[in-house]
């Protein structure tokens, strides 16, 4: 598998994660400004919280390049999908926390365990 075929295989999932990350970033900045808690130093935190997990998923996707006879039990398919779903849900939960903080679907999101952004300090 060459690099172009690899990119084409993951591009739609990558665009979804990057789009969700941009939404998370924009909502996070807007919410921090509204709450008067914006700090430039925390902007770089999105690299750790959103972009590094996406990079990790891309690295795990490279498992699909390893010939199947060297990977037992179809793990080259199962592991990348599991990592993608985990990264997606992590970023989605952050966006849902931002939505809960501004009151969008607040009751519904809190019923399923989403804590509004800024409600608890980490």
N, C-alpha and C. Protein backbone atom coordinates (compact mmCIF):
# COMPACT_ATOMS: atom_id res chain seq x y z
N UNK A 1 0.85 -1.18 0.00
CA UNK A 1 0.00 0.00 0.00
C UNK A 1 0.90 1.24 0.00
N UNK A 2 0.72 2.08 -0.98
CA UNK A 2 1.51 3.30 -1.02
C UNK A 2 0.85 4.40 -0.20
N UNK A 3 1.52 5.51 -0.05
CA UNK A 3 1.06 6.58 0.83
C UNK A 3 -0.26 7.20 0.33
N UNK A 4 -0.44 7.29 -0.99
CA UNK A 4 -1.67 7.86 -1.54
C UNK A 4 -2.85 6.94 -1.26
N UNK A 5 -2.66 5.65 -1.43
CA UNK A 5 -3.74 4.70 -1.13
C UNK A 5 -4.06 4.70 0.36
N UNK A 6 -3.04 4.82 1.20
CA UNK A 6 -3.25 4.89 2.65
C UNK A 6 -4.07 6.13 3.00
N UNK A 7 -3.69 7.28 2.43
CA UNK A 7 -4.42 8.53 2.69
C UNK A 7 -5.86 8.42 2.22
N UNK A 8 -6.07 7.85 1.04
CA UNK A 8 -7.43 7.71 0.52
C UNK A 8 -8.27 6.79 1.41
N UNK A 9 -7.63 5.79 2.01
CA UNK A 9 -8.35 4.84 2.86
C UNK A 9 -8.82 5.48 4.16
N UNK A 10 -8.07 6.45 4.68
CA UNK A 10 -8.43 7.04 5.97
C UNK A 10 -8.95 8.47 5.86
N UNK A 11 -8.99 9.03 4.66
CA UNK A 11 -9.30 10.46 4.52
C UNK A 11 -10.67 10.85 5.06
N UNK A 12 -11.71 10.07 4.79
CA UNK A 12 -13.04 10.46 5.26
C UNK A 12 -13.11 10.45 6.78
N UNK A 13 -12.53 9.44 7.41
CA UNK A 13 -12.52 9.40 8.88
C UNK A 13 -11.65 10.52 9.45
N UNK A 14 -10.54 10.80 8.79
CA UNK A 14 -9.66 11.87 9.24
C UNK A 14 -10.36 13.23 9.16
N UNK A 15 -11.09 13.48 8.09
CA UNK A 15 -11.82 14.73 7.94
C UNK A 15 -12.89 14.88 9.02
N UNK A 16 -13.56 13.79 9.37
CA UNK A 16 -14.56 13.84 10.43
C UNK A 16 -13.91 14.23 11.75
N UNK A 17 -12.78 13.59 12.09
CA UNK A 17 -12.11 13.90 13.35
C UNK A 17 -11.58 15.33 13.36
N UNK A 18 -11.00 15.77 12.25
CA UNK A 18 -10.48 17.14 12.20
C UNK A 18 -11.61 18.17 12.25
N UNK A 19 -12.72 17.90 11.59
CA UNK A 19 -13.87 18.79 11.65
C UNK A 19 -14.43 18.89 13.06
N UNK A 20 -14.54 17.75 13.73
CA UNK A 20 -15.02 17.74 15.10
C UNK A 20 -14.05 18.48 16.02
N UNK A 21 -12.76 18.35 15.75
CA UNK A 21 -11.75 19.05 16.54
C UNK A 21 -11.86 20.56 16.35
N UNK A 22 -12.10 21.01 15.14
CA UNK A 22 -12.26 22.45 14.88
C UNK A 22 -13.50 22.97 15.61
N UNK A 23 -14.59 22.21 15.56
CA UNK A 23 -15.80 22.60 16.28
C UNK A 23 -15.53 22.67 17.78
N UNK A 24 -14.82 21.68 18.30
CA UNK A 24 -14.48 21.65 19.72
C UNK A 24 -13.63 22.87 20.10
N UNK A 25 -12.65 23.18 19.27
CA UNK A 25 -11.77 24.31 19.53
C UNK A 25 -12.54 25.63 19.54
N UNK A 26 -13.37 25.83 18.50
CA UNK A 26 -14.13 27.08 18.39
C UNK A 26 -15.10 27.23 19.56
N UNK A 27 -15.85 26.17 19.87
CA UNK A 27 -16.77 26.23 21.00
C UNK A 27 -16.03 26.46 22.31
N UNK A 28 -14.88 25.82 22.47
CA UNK A 28 -14.10 26.00 23.70
C UNK A 28 -13.63 27.42 23.88
N UNK A 29 -13.15 28.04 22.81
CA UNK A 29 -12.68 29.43 22.88
C UNK A 29 -13.86 30.37 23.15
N UNK A 30 -14.96 30.16 22.44
CA UNK A 30 -16.14 31.02 22.65
C UNK A 30 -16.64 30.88 24.09
N UNK A 31 -16.70 29.67 24.59
CA UNK A 31 -17.17 29.45 25.95
C UNK A 31 -16.24 30.08 26.98
N UNK A 32 -14.93 29.93 26.77
CA UNK A 32 -13.96 30.53 27.70
C UNK A 32 -14.08 32.06 27.68
N UNK A 33 -14.29 32.63 26.51
CA UNK A 33 -14.48 34.09 26.43
C UNK A 33 -15.75 34.52 27.14
N UNK A 34 -16.83 33.76 26.95
CA UNK A 34 -18.10 34.08 27.62
C UNK A 34 -17.98 34.01 29.13
N UNK A 35 -17.21 33.03 29.61
CA UNK A 35 -17.06 32.84 31.05
C UNK A 35 -15.94 33.71 31.64
N UNK A 36 -15.23 34.43 30.78
CA UNK A 36 -14.14 35.28 31.24
C UNK A 36 -12.93 34.50 31.74
N UNK A 37 -12.75 33.27 31.21
CA UNK A 37 -11.65 32.42 31.66
C UNK A 37 -10.65 32.11 30.54
N UNK A 38 -10.68 32.87 29.46
CA UNK A 38 -9.79 32.58 28.33
C UNK A 38 -8.34 32.86 28.71
N UNK A 39 -7.47 31.91 28.36
CA UNK A 39 -6.03 32.05 28.59
C UNK A 39 -5.31 31.52 27.35
N UNK A 40 -4.40 32.32 26.83
CA UNK A 40 -3.66 31.90 25.64
C UNK A 40 -2.88 30.62 25.90
N UNK A 41 -2.40 30.44 27.10
CA UNK A 41 -1.60 29.25 27.41
C UNK A 41 -2.41 27.96 27.25
N UNK A 42 -3.71 28.04 27.44
CA UNK A 42 -4.54 26.84 27.33
C UNK A 42 -4.91 26.51 25.89
N UNK A 43 -4.69 27.43 24.97
CA UNK A 43 -5.00 27.16 23.57
C UNK A 43 -4.15 25.99 23.05
N UNK A 44 -2.91 25.94 23.48
CA UNK A 44 -2.03 24.84 23.06
C UNK A 44 -2.49 23.50 23.63
N UNK A 45 -3.35 23.52 24.63
CA UNK A 45 -3.87 22.28 25.20
C UNK A 45 -4.66 21.46 24.21
N UNK A 46 -5.17 22.09 23.17
CA UNK A 46 -5.90 21.34 22.15
C UNK A 46 -4.98 20.41 21.37
N UNK A 47 -3.70 20.73 21.33
CA UNK A 47 -2.76 19.82 20.68
C UNK A 47 -2.71 18.51 21.45
N UNK A 48 -2.63 18.61 22.78
CA UNK A 48 -2.61 17.40 23.61
C UNK A 48 -3.95 16.69 23.63
N UNK A 49 -5.02 17.46 23.79
CA UNK A 49 -6.32 16.83 24.02
C UNK A 49 -7.01 16.32 22.77
N UNK A 50 -6.79 16.94 21.62
CA UNK A 50 -7.49 16.52 20.41
C UNK A 50 -6.56 16.04 19.30
N UNK A 51 -5.49 16.77 19.03
CA UNK A 51 -4.66 16.42 17.87
C UNK A 51 -3.76 15.22 18.10
N UNK A 52 -3.20 15.06 19.30
CA UNK A 52 -2.35 13.89 19.54
C UNK A 52 -3.11 12.57 19.48
N UNK A 53 -4.34 12.49 20.02
CA UNK A 53 -5.09 11.25 19.83
C UNK A 53 -5.37 10.94 18.35
N UNK A 54 -5.61 11.98 17.54
CA UNK A 54 -5.82 11.75 16.11
C UNK A 54 -4.55 11.21 15.48
N UNK A 55 -3.41 11.79 15.83
CA UNK A 55 -2.13 11.28 15.32
C UNK A 55 -1.91 9.84 15.76
N UNK A 56 -2.28 9.53 17.00
CA UNK A 56 -2.17 8.15 17.48
C UNK A 56 -3.02 7.20 16.67
N UNK A 57 -4.23 7.63 16.31
CA UNK A 57 -5.10 6.80 15.48
C UNK A 57 -4.47 6.56 14.11
N UNK A 58 -3.88 7.60 13.52
CA UNK A 58 -3.23 7.44 12.21
C UNK A 58 -2.10 6.42 12.30
N UNK A 59 -1.33 6.48 13.38
CA UNK A 59 -0.23 5.52 13.56
C UNK A 59 -0.80 4.11 13.69
N UNK A 60 -1.88 3.96 14.45
CA UNK A 60 -2.50 2.64 14.60
C UNK A 60 -3.06 2.16 13.26
N UNK A 61 -3.57 3.07 12.45
CA UNK A 61 -4.06 2.71 11.12
C UNK A 61 -2.95 2.09 10.27
N UNK A 62 -1.72 2.46 10.54
CA UNK A 62 -0.60 1.89 9.80
C UNK A 62 -0.48 0.38 10.02
N UNK A 63 -1.16 -0.16 11.04
CA UNK A 63 -1.17 -1.61 11.24
C UNK A 63 -1.74 -2.33 10.02
N UNK A 64 -2.62 -1.64 9.30
CA UNK A 64 -3.23 -2.26 8.12
C UNK A 64 -2.22 -2.48 7.00
N UNK A 65 -1.08 -1.81 7.09
CA UNK A 65 -0.04 -1.97 6.07
C UNK A 65 0.75 -3.27 6.30
N UNK A 66 0.77 -3.73 7.55
CA UNK A 66 1.49 -4.97 7.87
C UNK A 66 0.75 -6.13 7.21
N UNK A 67 1.48 -7.00 6.54
CA UNK A 67 0.83 -8.15 5.91
C UNK A 67 0.03 -8.97 6.91
N UNK A 68 -1.14 -9.46 6.50
CA UNK A 68 -2.08 -10.15 7.39
C UNK A 68 -1.48 -11.38 8.04
N UNK A 69 -0.54 -12.04 7.39
CA UNK A 69 0.02 -13.26 7.97
C UNK A 69 0.87 -12.98 9.21
N UNK A 70 1.26 -11.73 9.41
CA UNK A 70 2.06 -11.36 10.59
C UNK A 70 1.21 -10.83 11.74
N UNK A 71 -0.07 -10.61 11.51
CA UNK A 71 -0.95 -10.06 12.54
C UNK A 71 -2.03 -11.10 12.85
N UNK A 72 -2.07 -11.60 14.10
CA UNK A 72 -3.04 -12.65 14.43
C UNK A 72 -4.46 -12.13 14.58
N UNK A 73 -5.43 -12.98 14.29
CA UNK A 73 -6.84 -12.75 14.59
C UNK A 73 -7.46 -11.49 14.01
N UNK A 74 -7.03 -11.08 12.85
CA UNK A 74 -7.58 -9.88 12.20
C UNK A 74 -7.47 -8.63 13.05
N UNK A 75 -6.46 -8.53 13.88
CA UNK A 75 -6.28 -7.36 14.73
C UNK A 75 -5.97 -6.11 13.92
N UNK A 76 -5.48 -6.27 12.70
CA UNK A 76 -5.19 -5.10 11.87
C UNK A 76 -6.46 -4.34 11.50
N UNK A 77 -7.62 -4.98 11.65
CA UNK A 77 -8.89 -4.32 11.40
C UNK A 77 -9.56 -3.89 12.70
N UNK A 78 -9.54 -4.74 13.69
CA UNK A 78 -10.26 -4.49 14.94
C UNK A 78 -9.65 -3.33 15.73
N UNK A 79 -8.35 -3.32 15.90
CA UNK A 79 -7.69 -2.30 16.73
C UNK A 79 -7.86 -0.89 16.15
N UNK A 80 -7.58 -0.65 14.86
CA UNK A 80 -7.78 0.72 14.34
C UNK A 80 -9.21 1.22 14.49
N UNK A 81 -10.19 0.37 14.29
CA UNK A 81 -11.59 0.78 14.44
C UNK A 81 -11.87 1.14 15.90
N UNK A 82 -11.38 0.34 16.83
CA UNK A 82 -11.58 0.63 18.25
C UNK A 82 -10.93 1.93 18.66
N UNK A 83 -9.73 2.19 18.17
CA UNK A 83 -9.04 3.43 18.50
C UNK A 83 -9.77 4.62 17.88
N UNK A 84 -10.24 4.48 16.64
CA UNK A 84 -10.99 5.57 15.99
C UNK A 84 -12.24 5.92 16.79
N UNK A 85 -13.00 4.90 17.18
CA UNK A 85 -14.24 5.15 17.93
C UNK A 85 -13.92 5.82 19.26
N UNK A 86 -12.86 5.41 19.91
CA UNK A 86 -12.46 6.01 21.19
C UNK A 86 -12.09 7.48 21.01
N UNK A 87 -11.29 7.80 19.99
CA UNK A 87 -10.90 9.19 19.73
C UNK A 87 -12.12 10.02 19.36
N UNK A 88 -12.98 9.48 18.51
CA UNK A 88 -14.19 10.19 18.11
C UNK A 88 -15.06 10.52 19.33
N UNK A 89 -15.30 9.53 20.18
CA UNK A 89 -16.15 9.75 21.35
C UNK A 89 -15.52 10.73 22.33
N UNK A 90 -14.20 10.73 22.45
CA UNK A 90 -13.52 11.66 23.35
C UNK A 90 -13.73 13.10 22.88
N UNK A 91 -13.54 13.34 21.60
CA UNK A 91 -13.72 14.70 21.07
C UNK A 91 -15.20 15.09 21.09
N UNK A 92 -16.07 14.14 20.75
CA UNK A 92 -17.51 14.41 20.76
C UNK A 92 -17.99 14.75 22.17
N UNK A 93 -17.47 14.06 23.18
CA UNK A 93 -17.84 14.35 24.57
C UNK A 93 -17.42 15.77 24.96
N UNK A 94 -16.29 16.23 24.46
CA UNK A 94 -15.84 17.59 24.73
C UNK A 94 -16.80 18.60 24.11
N UNK A 95 -17.19 18.36 22.86
CA UNK A 95 -18.15 19.24 22.19
C UNK A 95 -19.49 19.22 22.94
N UNK A 96 -19.93 18.04 23.37
CA UNK A 96 -21.19 17.93 24.12
C UNK A 96 -21.09 18.70 25.44
N UNK A 97 -19.93 18.68 26.08
CA UNK A 97 -19.74 19.45 27.30
C UNK A 97 -19.86 20.94 27.06
N UNK A 98 -19.33 21.40 25.93
CA UNK A 98 -19.47 22.82 25.57
C UNK A 98 -20.93 23.17 25.33
N UNK A 99 -21.65 22.28 24.63
CA UNK A 99 -23.08 22.52 24.37
C UNK A 99 -23.87 22.56 25.67
N UNK A 100 -23.55 21.66 26.59
CA UNK A 100 -24.25 21.64 27.88
C UNK A 100 -23.97 22.92 28.67
N UNK A 101 -22.75 23.45 28.54
CA UNK A 101 -22.39 24.65 29.28
C UNK A 101 -23.16 25.88 28.80
N UNK A 102 -23.54 25.90 27.53
CA UNK A 102 -24.31 27.04 27.03
C UNK A 102 -25.81 26.79 27.08
N UNK A 103 -26.19 25.61 27.58
CA UNK A 103 -27.61 25.32 27.78
C UNK A 103 -28.30 24.59 26.66
N UNK A 104 -27.57 24.17 25.64
CA UNK A 104 -28.17 23.43 24.53
C UNK A 104 -28.31 21.97 24.97
N UNK A 105 -29.52 21.48 24.99
CA UNK A 105 -29.82 20.11 25.42
C UNK A 105 -29.24 19.80 26.80
N UNK A 106 -29.23 20.79 27.66
CA UNK A 106 -28.57 20.65 28.96
C UNK A 106 -29.10 19.48 29.77
N UNK A 107 -30.42 19.36 29.92
CA UNK A 107 -30.99 18.28 30.72
C UNK A 107 -30.70 16.91 30.12
N UNK A 108 -30.85 16.80 28.81
CA UNK A 108 -30.61 15.53 28.14
C UNK A 108 -29.15 15.11 28.28
N UNK A 109 -28.23 16.05 28.05
CA UNK A 109 -26.82 15.72 28.13
C UNK A 109 -26.42 15.36 29.56
N UNK A 110 -26.94 16.04 30.54
CA UNK A 110 -26.60 15.71 31.92
C UNK A 110 -27.18 14.38 32.35
N UNK A 111 -28.32 14.00 31.80
CA UNK A 111 -28.90 12.68 32.10
C UNK A 111 -28.02 11.55 31.62
N UNK A 112 -27.30 11.75 30.54
CA UNK A 112 -26.42 10.70 30.03
C UNK A 112 -24.99 10.85 30.56
N UNK A 113 -24.78 11.80 31.48
CA UNK A 113 -23.49 11.90 32.15
C UNK A 113 -22.53 12.92 31.60
N UNK A 114 -22.98 13.82 30.73
CA UNK A 114 -22.09 14.84 30.18
C UNK A 114 -22.06 16.02 31.15
N UNK A 115 -20.86 16.33 31.62
CA UNK A 115 -20.67 17.46 32.53
C UNK A 115 -20.42 18.71 31.70
N UNK A 116 -21.13 19.80 31.98
CA UNK A 116 -20.89 21.04 31.25
C UNK A 116 -19.45 21.51 31.39
N UNK A 117 -18.87 22.03 30.33
CA UNK A 117 -17.52 22.56 30.37
C UNK A 117 -17.44 23.67 31.41
N UNK A 118 -16.44 23.60 32.25
CA UNK A 118 -16.25 24.63 33.26
C UNK A 118 -16.96 24.34 34.56
N UNK A 119 -17.80 23.28 34.60
CA UNK A 119 -18.55 22.96 35.82
C UNK A 119 -17.62 22.37 36.88
N UNK A 120 -16.61 21.64 36.45
CA UNK A 120 -15.64 21.08 37.39
C UNK A 120 -14.26 21.39 36.86
N UNK A 121 -13.35 21.74 37.75
CA UNK A 121 -11.98 22.00 37.34
C UNK A 121 -11.21 20.68 37.36
N UNK A 122 -10.37 20.50 36.33
CA UNK A 122 -9.60 19.26 36.24
C UNK A 122 -8.34 19.36 37.05
